[in-house]
Amino acid sequence: MDFKLILLTGFIACGLAMTANAGSIADTDSDLIPDVFDNCLDEANGPGETSPQNDTDQDGFGNACDADFNNNGVVDPADFAAVVAGFNQAPGPSGLGCADATIMVGMGDAPCP
């Protein structure tokens, strides 16, 4: 009987400790990625979001909140010019054989790695 009581007390203590720690993990944008691992704190880009945690230019800012396309450290007219130049154009070019299939399948179902 004492062993069962000790075991039950241990489970309760463990549960309380886990609950206390879970509440202290910050997730500012509620995208299920804790802030310390999130590459875009103000824009939800975690699991189940339409914009995943991709960081195409590998600058530490996720694509969902990185409009600095030329990586000069500021979003400026040069970044806007890059977007305007590509507006209403097909994406690419790409050397990957699966790239055209990606366009046909649509975002989220892309067969490219």
PDB file of N, CA and C in Angstrom:
ATOM      1  N   MET A   1       0.811  -1.192   0.000  1.00  0.00           N
ATOM      2  CA  MET A   1       0.000   0.000   0.000  1.00  0.00           C
ATOM      3  C   MET A   1       0.854   1.255   0.000  1.00  0.00           C
ATOM      4  N   ASP A   2       1.937   1.256   0.763  1.00  0.00           N
ATOM      5  CA  ASP A   2       2.818   2.412   0.822  1.00  0.00           C
ATOM      6  C   ASP A   2       3.458   2.672  -0.543  1.00  0.00           C
ATOM      7  N   PHE A   3       3.812   1.599  -1.267  1.00  0.00           N
ATOM      8  CA  PHE A   3       4.429   1.746  -2.581  1.00  0.00           C
ATOM      9  C   PHE A   3       3.464   2.429  -3.553  1.00  0.00           C
ATOM     10  N   LYS A   4       2.186   2.054  -3.519  1.00  0.00           N
ATOM     11  CA  LYS A   4       1.191   2.672  -4.402  1.00  0.00           C
ATOM     12  C   LYS A   4       1.031   4.162  -4.081  1.00  0.00           C
ATOM     13  N   LEU A   5       1.041   4.504  -2.821  1.00  0.00           N
ATOM     14  CA  LEU A   5       0.914   5.887  -2.403  1.00  0.00           C
ATOM     15  C   LEU A   5       2.125   6.701  -2.860  1.00  0.00           C
ATOM     16  N   ILE A   6       3.303   6.132  -2.721  1.00  0.00           N
ATOM     17  CA  ILE A   6       4.527   6.804  -3.169  1.00  0.00           C
ATOM     18  C   ILE A   6       4.499   6.994  -4.684  1.00  0.00           C
ATOM     19  N   LEU A   7       4.092   5.954  -5.400  1.00  0.00           N
ATOM     20  CA  LEU A   7       4.019   6.020  -6.852  1.00  0.00           C
ATOM     21  C   LEU A   7       3.004   7.079  -7.297  1.00  0.00           C
ATOM     22  N   LEU A   8       1.841   7.099  -6.678  1.00  0.00           N
ATOM     23  CA  LEU A   8       0.814   8.088  -7.007  1.00  0.00           C
ATOM     24  C   LEU A   8       1.309   9.503  -6.715  1.00  0.00           C
ATOM     25  N   THR A   9       1.945   9.698  -5.577  1.00  0.00           N
ATOM     26  CA  THR A   9       2.484  11.009  -5.211  1.00  0.00           C
ATOM     27  C   THR A   9       3.539  11.454  -6.224  1.00  0.00           C
ATOM     28  N   GLY A  10       4.365  10.514  -6.663  1.00  0.00           N
ATOM     29  CA  GLY A  10       5.390  10.817  -7.663  1.00  0.00           C
ATOM     30  C   GLY A  10       4.782  11.256  -8.979  1.00  0.00           C
ATOM     31  N   PHE A  11       3.725  10.546  -9.419  1.00  0.00           N
ATOM     32  CA  PHE A  11       3.058  10.925 -10.671  1.00  0.00           C
ATOM     33  C   PHE A  11       2.434  12.317 -10.566  1.00  0.00           C
ATOM     34  N   ILE A  12       1.826  12.595  -9.440  1.00  0.00           N
ATOM     35  CA  ILE A  12       1.201  13.911  -9.242  1.00  0.00           C
ATOM     36  C   ILE A  12       2.266  15.000  -9.242  1.00  0.00           C
ATOM     37  N   ALA A  13       3.366  14.780  -8.549  1.00  0.00           N
ATOM     38  CA  ALA A  13       4.449  15.766  -8.493  1.00  0.00           C
ATOM     39  C   ALA A  13       5.042  15.992  -9.885  1.00  0.00           C
ATOM     40  N   CYS A  14       5.229  14.920 -10.623  1.00  0.00           N
ATOM     41  CA  CYS A  14       5.768  15.024 -11.981  1.00  0.00           C
ATOM     42  C   CYS A  14       4.802  15.806 -12.879  1.00  0.00           C
ATOM     43  N   GLY A  15       3.536  15.515 -12.771  1.00  0.00           N
ATOM     44  CA  GLY A  15       2.528  16.223 -13.563  1.00  0.00           C
ATOM     45  C   GLY A  15       2.495  17.706 -13.245  1.00  0.00           C
ATOM     46  N   LEU A  16       2.571  18.053 -11.962  1.00  0.00           N
ATOM     47  CA  LEU A  16       2.581  19.457 -11.573  1.00  0.00           C
ATOM     48  C   LEU A  16       3.830  20.166 -12.082  1.00  0.00           C
ATOM     49  N   ALA A  17       4.970  19.492 -12.019  1.00  0.00           N
ATOM     50  CA  ALA A  17       6.213  20.083 -12.511  1.00  0.00           C
ATOM     51  C   ALA A  17       6.147  20.323 -14.016  1.00  0.00           C
ATOM     52  N   MET A  18       5.601  19.361 -14.755  1.00  0.00           N
ATOM     53  CA  MET A  18       5.492  19.513 -16.204  1.00  0.00           C
ATOM     54  C   MET A  18       4.518  20.630 -16.561  1.00  0.00           C
ATOM     55  N   THR A  19       3.425  20.746 -15.834  1.00  0.00           N
ATOM     56  CA  THR A  19       2.449  21.795 -16.086  1.00  0.00           C
ATOM     57  C   THR A  19       3.050  23.167 -15.808  1.00  0.00           C
ATOM     58  N   ALA A  20       3.817  23.284 -14.746  1.00  0.00           N
ATOM     59  CA  ALA A  20       4.448  24.557 -14.399  1.00  0.00           C
ATOM     60  C   ALA A  20       5.434  24.972 -15.477  1.00  0.00           C
ATOM     61  N   ASN A  21       6.224  24.041 -16.000  1.00  0.00           N
ATOM     62  CA  ASN A  21       7.200  24.358 -17.038  1.00  0.00           C
ATOM     63  C   ASN A  21       6.516  24.653 -18.364  1.00  0.00           C
ATOM     64  N   ALA A  22       5.442  23.961 -18.672  1.00  0.00           N
ATOM     65  CA  ALA A  22       4.758  24.162 -19.945  1.00  0.00           C
ATOM     66  C   ALA A  22       4.199  25.574 -20.035  1.00  0.00           C
ATOM     67  N   GLY A  23       3.746  26.124 -18.944  1.00  0.00           N
ATOM     68  CA  GLY A  23       3.199  27.471 -18.960  1.00  0.00           C
ATOM     69  C   GLY A  23       4.245  28.545 -19.136  1.00  0.00           C
ATOM     70  N   SER A  24       5.520  28.232 -18.905  1.00  0.00           N
ATOM     71  CA  SER A  24       6.564  29.237 -18.991  1.00  0.00           C
ATOM     72  C   SER A  24       7.209  29.301 -20.371  1.00  0.00           C
ATOM     73  N   ILE A  25       6.785  28.458 -21.302  1.00  0.00           N
ATOM     74  CA  ILE A  25       7.347  28.458 -22.648  1.00  0.00           C
ATOM     75  C   ILE A  25       6.600  29.482 -23.490  1.00  0.00           C
ATOM     76  N   ALA A  26       7.317  30.504 -23.937  1.00  0.00           N
ATOM     77  CA  ALA A  26       6.693  31.580 -24.710  1.00  0.00           C
ATOM     78  C   ALA A  26       6.520  31.175 -26.166  1.00  0.00           C
ATOM     79  N   ASP A  27       5.360  31.482 -26.711  1.00  0.00           N
ATOM     80  CA  ASP A  27       5.059  31.284 -28.130  1.00  0.00           C
ATOM     81  C   ASP A  27       4.219  32.484 -28.568  1.00  0.00           C
ATOM     82  N   THR A  28       4.885  33.577 -28.876  1.00  0.00           N
ATOM     83  CA  THR A  28       4.244  34.854 -29.155  1.00  0.00           C
ATOM     84  C   THR A  28       3.187  34.777 -30.243  1.00  0.00           C
ATOM     85  N   ASP A  29       3.462  34.054 -31.333  1.00  0.00           N
ATOM     86  CA  ASP A  29       2.516  34.010 -32.458  1.00  0.00           C
ATOM     87  C   ASP A  29       1.615  32.778 -32.447  1.00  0.00           C
ATOM     88  N   SER A  30       1.691  31.976 -31.405  1.00  0.00           N
ATOM     89  CA  SER A  30       0.838  30.790 -31.216  1.00  0.00           C
ATOM     90  C   SER A  30       0.882  29.812 -32.385  1.00  0.00           C
ATOM     91  N   ASP A  31       2.085  29.605 -32.944  1.00  0.00           N
ATOM     92  CA  ASP A  31       2.222  28.674 -34.071  1.00  0.00           C
ATOM     93  C   ASP A  31       2.798  27.323 -33.656  1.00  0.00           C
ATOM     94  N   LEU A  32       2.815  27.066 -32.343  1.00  0.00           N
ATOM     95  CA  LEU A  32       3.298  25.813 -31.753  1.00  0.00           C
ATOM     96  C   LEU A  32       4.814  25.648 -31.839  1.00  0.00           C
ATOM     97  N   ILE A  33       5.536  26.707 -32.200  1.00  0.00           N
ATOM     98  CA  ILE A  33       6.998  26.709 -32.183  1.00  0.00           C
ATOM     99  C   ILE A  33       7.413  27.671 -31.075  1.00  0.00           C
ATOM    100  N   PRO A  34       8.084  27.183 -30.015  1.00  0.00           N
ATOM    101  CA  PRO A  34       8.506  28.083 -28.936  1.00  0.00           C
ATOM    102  C   PRO A  34       9.380  29.220 -29.483  1.00  0.00           C
ATOM    103  N   ASP A  35       9.245  30.399 -28.917  1.00  0.00           N
ATOM    104  CA  ASP A  35       9.981  31.572 -29.396  1.00  0.00           C
ATOM    105  C   ASP A  35      11.477  31.333 -29.547  1.00  0.00           C
ATOM    106  N   VAL A  36      12.068  30.550 -28.651  1.00  0.00           N
ATOM    107  CA  VAL A  36      13.518  30.325 -28.736  1.00  0.00           C
ATOM    108  C   VAL A  36      13.921  29.530 -29.977  1.00  0.00           C
ATOM    109  N   PHE A  37      12.965  28.865 -30.635  1.00  0.00           N
ATOM    110  CA  PHE A  37      13.235  28.105 -31.857  1.00  0.00           C
ATOM    111  C   PHE A  37      12.542  28.706 -33.082  1.00  0.00           C
ATOM    112  N   ASP A  38      11.749  29.751 -32.883  1.00  0.00           N
ATOM    113  CA  ASP A  38      10.918  30.315 -33.948  1.00  0.00           C
ATOM    114  C   ASP A  38      11.701  31.347 -34.748  1.00  0.00           C
ATOM    115  N   ASN A  39      11.726  31.196 -36.069  1.00  0.00           N
ATOM    116  CA  ASN A  39      12.458  32.140 -36.910  1.00  0.00           C
ATOM    117  C   ASN A  39      11.597  33.302 -37.381  1.00  0.00           C
ATOM    118  N   CYS A  40      10.375  33.385 -36.873  1.00  0.00           N
ATOM    119  CA  CYS A  40       9.466  34.480 -37.214  1.00  0.00           C
ATOM    120  C   CYS A  40       8.498  34.644 -36.044  1.00  0.00           C
ATOM    121  N   LEU A  41       8.827  35.527 -35.119  1.00  0.00           N
ATOM    122  CA  LEU A  41       8.085  35.619 -33.860  1.00  0.00           C
ATOM    123  C   LEU A  41       6.694  36.221 -33.980  1.00  0.00           C
ATOM    124  N   ASP A  42       6.473  37.138 -34.923  1.00  0.00           N
ATOM    125  CA  ASP A  42       5.198  37.834 -34.996  1.00  0.00           C
ATOM    126  C   ASP A  42       4.248  37.292 -36.057  1.00  0.00           C
ATOM    127  N   GLU A  43       4.686  36.318 -36.827  1.00  0.00           N
ATOM    128  CA  GLU A  43       3.871  35.750 -37.906  1.00  0.00           C
ATOM    129  C   GLU A  43       3.822  34.231 -37.712  1.00  0.00           C
ATOM    130  N   ALA A  44       2.629  33.680 -37.586  1.00  0.00           N
ATOM    131  CA  ALA A  44       2.480  32.236 -37.387  1.00  0.00           C
ATOM    132  C   ALA A  44       2.986  31.491 -38.618  1.00  0.00           C
ATOM    133  N   ASN A  45       3.997  30.646 -38.418  1.00  0.00           N
ATOM    134  CA  ASN A  45       4.562  29.866 -39.523  1.00  0.00           C
ATOM    135  C   ASN A  45       5.012  28.490 -39.044  1.00  0.00           C
ATOM    136  N   GLY A  46       4.233  27.923 -38.169  1.00  0.00           N
ATOM    137  CA  GLY A  46       4.571  26.612 -37.616  1.00  0.00           C
ATOM    138  C   GLY A  46       3.781  25.493 -38.254  1.00  0.00           C
ATOM    139  N   PRO A  47       3.730  24.352 -37.589  1.00  0.00           N
ATOM    140  CA  PRO A  47       2.994  23.196 -38.118  1.00  0.00           C
ATOM    141  C   PRO A  47       1.523  23.544 -38.360  1.00  0.00           C
ATOM    142  N   GLY A  48       1.027  23.159 -39.495  1.00  0.00           N
ATOM    143  CA  GLY A  48      -0.368  23.406 -39.812  1.00  0.00           C
ATOM    144  C   GLY A  48      -0.635  24.784 -40.389  1.00  0.00           C
ATOM    145  N   GLU A  49       0.370  25.625 -40.466  1.00  0.00           N
ATOM    146  CA  GLU A  49       0.203  26.954 -41.051  1.00  0.00           C
ATOM    147  C   GLU A  49       0.475  26.882 -42.545  1.00  0.00           C
ATOM    148  N   THR A  50      -0.038  27.843 -43.295  1.00  0.00           N
ATOM    149  CA  THR A  50       0.199  27.854 -44.736  1.00  0.00           C
ATOM    150  C   THR A  50       1.627  28.251 -45.070  1.00  0.00           C
ATOM    151  N   SER A  51       2.294  28.916 -44.162  1.00  0.00           N
ATOM    152  CA  SER A  51       3.681  29.304 -44.358  1.00  0.00           C
ATOM    153  C   SER A  51       4.540  28.575 -43.328  1.00  0.00           C
ATOM    154  N   PRO A  52       5.304  27.569 -43.746  1.00  0.00           N
ATOM    155  CA  PRO A  52       6.113  26.810 -42.787  1.00  0.00           C
ATOM    156  C   PRO A  52       7.359  27.566 -42.338  1.00  0.00           C
ATOM    157  N   GLN A  53       8.162  26.953 -41.509  1.00  0.00           N
ATOM    158  CA  GLN A  53       9.354  27.566 -40.938  1.00  0.00           C
ATOM    159  C   GLN A  53      10.515  27.689 -41.933  1.00  0.00           C
ATOM    160  N   ASN A  54      10.229  27.771 -43.225  1.00  0.00           N
ATOM    161  CA  ASN A  54      11.301  27.881 -44.217  1.00  0.00           C
ATOM    162  C   ASN A  54      12.064  29.195 -44.066  1.00  0.00           C
ATOM    163  N   ASP A  55      13.359  29.131 -44.293  1.00  0.00           N
ATOM    164  CA  ASP A  55      14.246  30.297 -44.303  1.00  0.00           C
ATOM    165  C   ASP A  55      15.116  30.153 -45.548  1.00  0.00           C
ATOM    166  N   THR A  56      14.559  30.489 -46.695  1.00  0.00           N
ATOM    167  CA  THR A  56      15.185  30.219 -47.982  1.00  0.00           C
ATOM    168  C   THR A  56      16.583  30.801 -48.091  1.00  0.00           C
ATOM    169  N   ASP A  57      16.761  32.034 -47.639  1.00  0.00           N
ATOM    170  CA  ASP A  57      18.083  32.658 -47.777  1.00  0.00           C
ATOM    171  C   ASP A  57      18.985  32.417 -46.568  1.00  0.00           C
ATOM    172  N   GLN A  58      18.527  31.630 -45.639  1.00  0.00           N
ATOM    173  CA  GLN A  58      19.281  31.198 -44.458  1.00  0.00           C
ATOM    174  C   GLN A  58      19.913  32.357 -43.693  1.00  0.00           C
ATOM    175  N   ASP A  59      19.097  33.410 -43.470  1.00  0.00           N
ATOM    176  CA  ASP A  59      19.584  34.556 -42.714  1.00  0.00           C
ATOM    177  C   ASP A  59      19.063  34.584 -41.283  1.00  0.00           C
ATOM    178  N   GLY A  60      18.306  33.538 -40.894  1.00  0.00           N
ATOM    179  CA  GLY A  60      17.778  33.461 -39.542  1.00  0.00           C
ATOM    180  C   GLY A  60      16.370  34.014 -39.399  1.00  0.00           C
ATOM    181  N   PHE A  61      15.843  34.637 -40.470  1.00  0.00           N
ATOM    182  CA  PHE A  61      14.478  35.141 -40.479  1.00  0.00           C
ATOM    183  C   PHE A  61      13.650  34.253 -41.391  1.00  0.00           C
ATOM    184  N   GLY A  62      12.534  33.741 -40.895  1.00  0.00           N
ATOM    185  CA  GLY A  62      11.673  32.879 -41.698  1.00  0.00           C
ATOM    186  C   GLY A  62      11.056  33.629 -42.865  1.00  0.00           C
ATOM    187  N   ASN A  63      10.786  32.913 -43.939  1.00  0.00           N
ATOM    188  CA  ASN A  63      10.210  33.526 -45.135  1.00  0.00           C
ATOM    189  C   ASN A  63       8.943  34.320 -44.827  1.00  0.00           C
ATOM    190  N   ALA A  64       8.162  33.861 -43.852  1.00  0.00           N
ATOM    191  CA  ALA A  64       6.887  34.516 -43.535  1.00  0.00           C
ATOM    192  C   ALA A  64       7.065  35.956 -43.068  1.00  0.00           C
ATOM    193  N   CYS A  65       8.222  36.305 -42.546  1.00  0.00           N
ATOM    194  CA  CYS A  65       8.433  37.675 -42.067  1.00  0.00           C
ATOM    195  C   CYS A  65       9.746  38.269 -42.579  1.00  0.00           C
ATOM    196  N   ASP A  66      10.222  37.791 -43.719  1.00  0.00           N
ATOM    197  CA  ASP A  66      11.486  38.291 -44.283  1.00  0.00           C
ATOM    198  C   ASP A  66      11.237  38.871 -45.664  1.00  0.00           C
ATOM    199  N   ALA A  67      11.031  40.179 -45.722  1.00  0.00           N
ATOM    200  CA  ALA A  67      10.838  40.855 -47.005  1.00  0.00           C
ATOM    201  C   ALA A  67      12.136  41.481 -47.511  1.00  0.00           C
ATOM    202  N   ASP A  68      13.259  41.225 -46.810  1.00  0.00           N
ATOM    203  CA  ASP A  68      14.568  41.732 -47.236  1.00  0.00           C
ATOM    204  C   ASP A  68      15.163  40.753 -48.239  1.00  0.00           C
ATOM    205  N   PHE A  69      14.716  40.834 -49.480  1.00  0.00           N
ATOM    206  CA  PHE A  69      15.092  39.859 -50.495  1.00  0.00           C
ATOM    207  C   PHE A  69      16.567  39.924 -50.892  1.00  0.00           C
ATOM    208  N   ASN A  70      17.192  41.091 -50.811  1.00  0.00           N
ATOM    209  CA  ASN A  70      18.601  41.200 -51.199  1.00  0.00           C
ATOM    210  C   ASN A  70      19.560  41.114 -50.005  1.00  0.00           C
ATOM    211  N   ASN A  71      19.026  40.862 -48.816  1.00  0.00           N
ATOM    212  CA  ASN A  71      19.816  40.647 -47.592  1.00  0.00           C
ATOM    213  C   ASN A  71      20.788  41.779 -47.274  1.00  0.00           C
ATOM    214  N   ASN A  72      20.342  43.023 -47.473  1.00  0.00           N
ATOM    215  CA  ASN A  72      21.195  44.144 -47.085  1.00  0.00           C
ATOM    216  C   ASN A  72      20.858  44.660 -45.688  1.00  0.00           C
ATOM    217  N   GLY A  73      19.967  43.973 -44.993  1.00  0.00           N
ATOM    218  CA  GLY A  73      19.650  44.305 -43.606  1.00  0.00           C
ATOM    219  C   GLY A  73      18.486  45.260 -43.427  1.00  0.00           C
ATOM    220  N   VAL A  74      17.862  45.682 -44.525  1.00  0.00           N
ATOM    221  CA  VAL A  74      16.718  46.588 -44.434  1.00  0.00           C
ATOM    222  C   VAL A  74      15.785  46.321 -45.612  1.00  0.00           C
ATOM    223  N   VAL A  75      14.477  46.416 -45.353  1.00  0.00           N
ATOM    224  CA  VAL A  75      13.507  46.291 -46.439  1.00  0.00           C
ATOM    225  C   VAL A  75      13.411  47.680 -47.078  1.00  0.00           C
ATOM    226  N   ASP A  76      13.830  47.775 -48.327  1.00  0.00           N
ATOM    227  CA  ASP A  76      13.910  49.063 -49.003  1.00  0.00           C
ATOM    228  C   ASP A  76      13.394  48.963 -50.439  1.00  0.00           C
ATOM    229  N   PRO A  77      13.451  50.040 -51.205  1.00  0.00           N
ATOM    230  CA  PRO A  77      12.949  50.003 -52.585  1.00  0.00           C
ATOM    231  C   PRO A  77      13.588  48.925 -53.459  1.00  0.00           C
ATOM    232  N   ALA A  78      14.818  48.554 -53.182  1.00  0.00           N
ATOM    233  CA  ALA A  78      15.464  47.504 -53.970  1.00  0.00           C
ATOM    234  C   ALA A  78      14.733  46.176 -53.799  1.00  0.00           C
ATOM    235  N   ASP A  79      14.242  45.897 -52.606  1.00  0.00           N
ATOM    236  CA  ASP A  79      13.475  44.665 -52.375  1.00  0.00           C
ATOM    237  C   ASP A  79      12.147  44.725 -53.122  1.00  0.00           C
ATOM    238  N   PHE A  80      11.513  45.883 -53.075  1.00  0.00           N
ATOM    239  CA  PHE A  80      10.250  46.055 -53.789  1.00  0.00           C
ATOM    240  C   PHE A  80      10.470  45.882 -55.297  1.00  0.00           C
ATOM    241  N   ALA A  81      11.566  46.417 -55.818  1.00  0.00           N
ATOM    242  CA  ALA A  81      11.875  46.285 -57.241  1.00  0.00           C
ATOM    243  C   ALA A  81      12.036  44.816 -57.635  1.00  0.00           C
ATOM    244  N   ALA A  82      12.626  44.012 -56.738  1.00  0.00           N
ATOM    245  CA  ALA A  82      12.794  42.575 -57.029  1.00  0.00           C
ATOM    246  C   ALA A  82      11.442  41.880 -57.131  1.00  0.00           C
ATOM    247  N   VAL A  83      10.514  42.280 -56.286  1.00  0.00           N
ATOM    248  CA  VAL A  83       9.173  41.691 -56.333  1.00  0.00           C
ATOM    249  C   VAL A  83       8.443  42.129 -57.597  1.00  0.00           C
ATOM    250  N   VAL A  84       8.527  43.414 -57.905  1.00  0.00           N
ATOM    251  CA  VAL A  84       7.840  43.950 -59.079  1.00  0.00           C
ATOM    252  C   VAL A  84       8.377  43.287 -60.352  1.00  0.00           C
ATOM    253  N   ALA A  85       9.680  43.074 -60.421  1.00  0.00           N
ATOM    254  CA  ALA A  85      10.279  42.447 -61.609  1.00  0.00           C
ATOM    255  C   ALA A  85       9.749  41.033 -61.820  1.00  0.00           C
ATOM    256  N   GLY A  86       9.410  40.328 -60.753  1.00  0.00           N
ATOM    257  CA  GLY A  86       8.916  38.966 -60.873  1.00  0.00           C
ATOM    258  C   GLY A  86       7.408  38.853 -60.903  1.00  0.00           C
ATOM    259  N   PHE A  87       6.722  39.971 -60.733  1.00  0.00           N
ATOM    260  CA  PHE A  87       5.262  39.962 -60.673  1.00  0.00           C
ATOM    261  C   PHE A  87       4.658  39.523 -62.007  1.00  0.00           C
ATOM    262  N   ASN A  88       3.691  38.637 -61.926  1.00  0.00           N
ATOM    263  CA  ASN A  88       2.965  38.111 -63.077  1.00  0.00           C
ATOM    264  C   ASN A  88       3.874  37.316 -64.026  1.00  0.00           C
ATOM    265  N   GLN A  89       4.961  36.809 -63.501  1.00  0.00           N
ATOM    266  CA  GLN A  89       5.886  35.976 -64.255  1.00  0.00           C
ATOM    267  C   GLN A  89       5.865  34.562 -63.674  1.00  0.00           C
ATOM    268  N   ALA A  90       6.259  33.599 -64.466  1.00  0.00           N
ATOM    269  CA  ALA A  90       6.389  32.231 -63.957  1.00  0.00           C
ATOM    270  C   ALA A  90       7.556  32.177 -62.978  1.00  0.00           C
ATOM    271  N   PRO A  91       7.489  31.316 -61.970  1.00  0.00           N
ATOM    272  CA  PRO A  91       8.623  31.194 -61.046  1.00  0.00           C
ATOM    273  C   PRO A  91       9.816  30.560 -61.742  1.00  0.00           C
ATOM    274  N   GLY A  92      10.968  30.723 -61.141  1.00  0.00           N
ATOM    275  CA  GLY A  92      12.157  30.050 -61.668  1.00  0.00           C
ATOM    276  C   GLY A  92      13.073  30.998 -62.389  1.00  0.00           C
ATOM    277  N   PRO A  93      13.971  30.466 -63.149  1.00  0.00           N
ATOM    278  CA  PRO A  93      14.075  29.054 -63.540  1.00  0.00           C
ATOM    279  C   PRO A  93      14.650  28.184 -62.434  1.00  0.00           C
ATOM    280  N   SER A  94      14.458  26.887 -62.581  1.00  0.00           N
ATOM    281  CA  SER A  94      14.980  25.912 -61.633  1.00  0.00           C
ATOM    282  C   SER A  94      15.617  24.765 -62.387  1.00  0.00           C
ATOM    283  N   GLY A  95      16.691  24.242 -61.837  1.00  0.00           N
ATOM    284  CA  GLY A  95      17.338  23.082 -62.430  1.00  0.00           C
ATOM    285  C   GLY A  95      16.736  21.770 -61.981  1.00  0.00           C
ATOM    286  N   LEU A  96      15.807  21.813 -61.037  1.00  0.00           N
ATOM    287  CA  LEU A  96      15.202  20.590 -60.516  1.00  0.00           C
ATOM    288  C   LEU A  96      14.145  20.069 -61.478  1.00  0.00           C
ATOM    289  N   GLY A  97      14.197  18.802 -61.820  1.00  0.00           N
ATOM    290  CA  GLY A  97      13.239  18.197 -62.726  1.00  0.00           C
ATOM    291  C   GLY A  97      11.825  18.196 -62.192  1.00  0.00           C
ATOM    292  N   CYS A  98      11.678  18.294 -60.888  1.00  0.00           N
ATOM    293  CA  CYS A  98      10.349  18.268 -60.290  1.00  0.00           C
ATOM    294  C   CYS A  98       9.709  19.653 -60.219  1.00  0.00           C
ATOM    295  N   ALA A  99      10.414  20.697 -60.639  1.00  0.00           N
ATOM    296  CA  ALA A  99       9.923  22.069 -60.463  1.00  0.00           C
ATOM    297  C   ALA A  99       8.625  22.331 -61.204  1.00  0.00           C
ATOM    298  N   ASP A 100       8.497  21.885 -62.446  1.00  0.00           N
ATOM    299  CA  ASP A 100       7.255  22.118 -63.181  1.00  0.00           C
ATOM    300  C   ASP A 100       6.091  21.382 -62.539  1.00  0.00           C
ATOM    301  N   ALA A 101       6.347  20.197 -61.994  1.00  0.00           N
ATOM    302  CA  ALA A 101       5.297  19.432 -61.313  1.00  0.00           C
ATOM    303  C   ALA A 101       4.838  20.172 -60.067  1.00  0.00           C
ATOM    304  N   THR A 102       5.752  20.908 -59.422  1.00  0.00           N
ATOM    305  CA  THR A 102       5.404  21.669 -58.225  1.00  0.00           C
ATOM    306  C   THR A 102       4.357  22.716 -58.557  1.00  0.00           C
ATOM    307  N   ILE A 103       4.521  23.382 -59.688  1.00  0.00           N
ATOM    308  CA  ILE A 103       3.582  24.424 -60.083  1.00  0.00           C
ATOM    309  C   ILE A 103       2.207  23.821 -60.328  1.00  0.00           C
ATOM    310  N   MET A 104       2.177  22.667 -60.981  1.00  0.00           N
ATOM    311  CA  MET A 104       0.895  22.038 -61.286  1.00  0.00           C
ATOM    312  C   MET A 104       0.204  21.507 -60.037  1.00  0.00           C
ATOM    313  N   VAL A 105       0.985  20.960 -59.120  1.00  0.00           N
ATOM    314  CA  VAL A 105       0.408  20.375 -57.910  1.00  0.00           C
ATOM    315  C   VAL A 105      -0.073  21.465 -56.965  1.00  0.00           C
ATOM    316  N   GLY A 106       0.674  22.537 -56.856  1.00  0.00           N
ATOM    317  CA  GLY A 106       0.291  23.650 -55.983  1.00  0.00           C
ATOM    318  C   GLY A 106       1.089  23.650 -54.697  1.00  0.00           C
ATOM    319  N   MET A 107       1.090  24.769 -54.027  1.00  0.00           N
ATOM    320  CA  MET A 107       1.840  24.927 -52.778  1.00  0.00           C
ATOM    321  C   MET A 107       1.341  23.938 -51.730  1.00  0.00           C
ATOM    322  N   GLY A 108       2.249  23.423 -50.957  1.00  0.00           N
ATOM    323  CA  GLY A 108       1.901  22.498 -49.893  1.00  0.00           C
ATOM    324  C   GLY A 108       1.966  21.049 -50.313  1.00  0.00           C
ATOM    325  N   ASP A 109       1.762  20.774 -51.588  1.00  0.00           N
ATOM    326  CA  ASP A 109       1.836  19.415 -52.084  1.00  0.00           C
ATOM    327  C   ASP A 109       3.049  19.212 -52.983  1.00  0.00           C
ATOM    328  N   ALA A 110       4.001  20.122 -52.910  1.00  0.00           N
ATOM    329  CA  ALA A 110       5.146  20.106 -53.810  1.00  0.00           C
ATOM    330  C   ALA A 110       5.952  18.816 -53.664  1.00  0.00           C
ATOM    331  N   PRO A 111       6.230  18.143 -54.778  1.00  0.00           N
ATOM    332  CA  PRO A 111       6.992  16.897 -54.708  1.00  0.00           C
ATOM    333  C   PRO A 111       8.500  17.122 -54.593  1.00  0.00           C
ATOM    334  N   CYS A 112       8.964  18.343 -54.732  1.00  0.00           N
ATOM    335  CA  CYS A 112      10.403  18.610 -54.645  1.00  0.00           C
ATOM    336  C   CYS A 112      10.886  18.480 -53.194  1.00  0.00           C
ATOM    337  N   PRO A 113      12.103  18.010 -53.028  1.00  0.00           N
ATOM    338  CA  PRO A 113      12.640  17.901 -51.657  1.00  0.00           C
ATOM    339  C   PRO A 113      12.946  19.254 -51.063  1.00  0.00           C
TER     340      PRO A 113
END
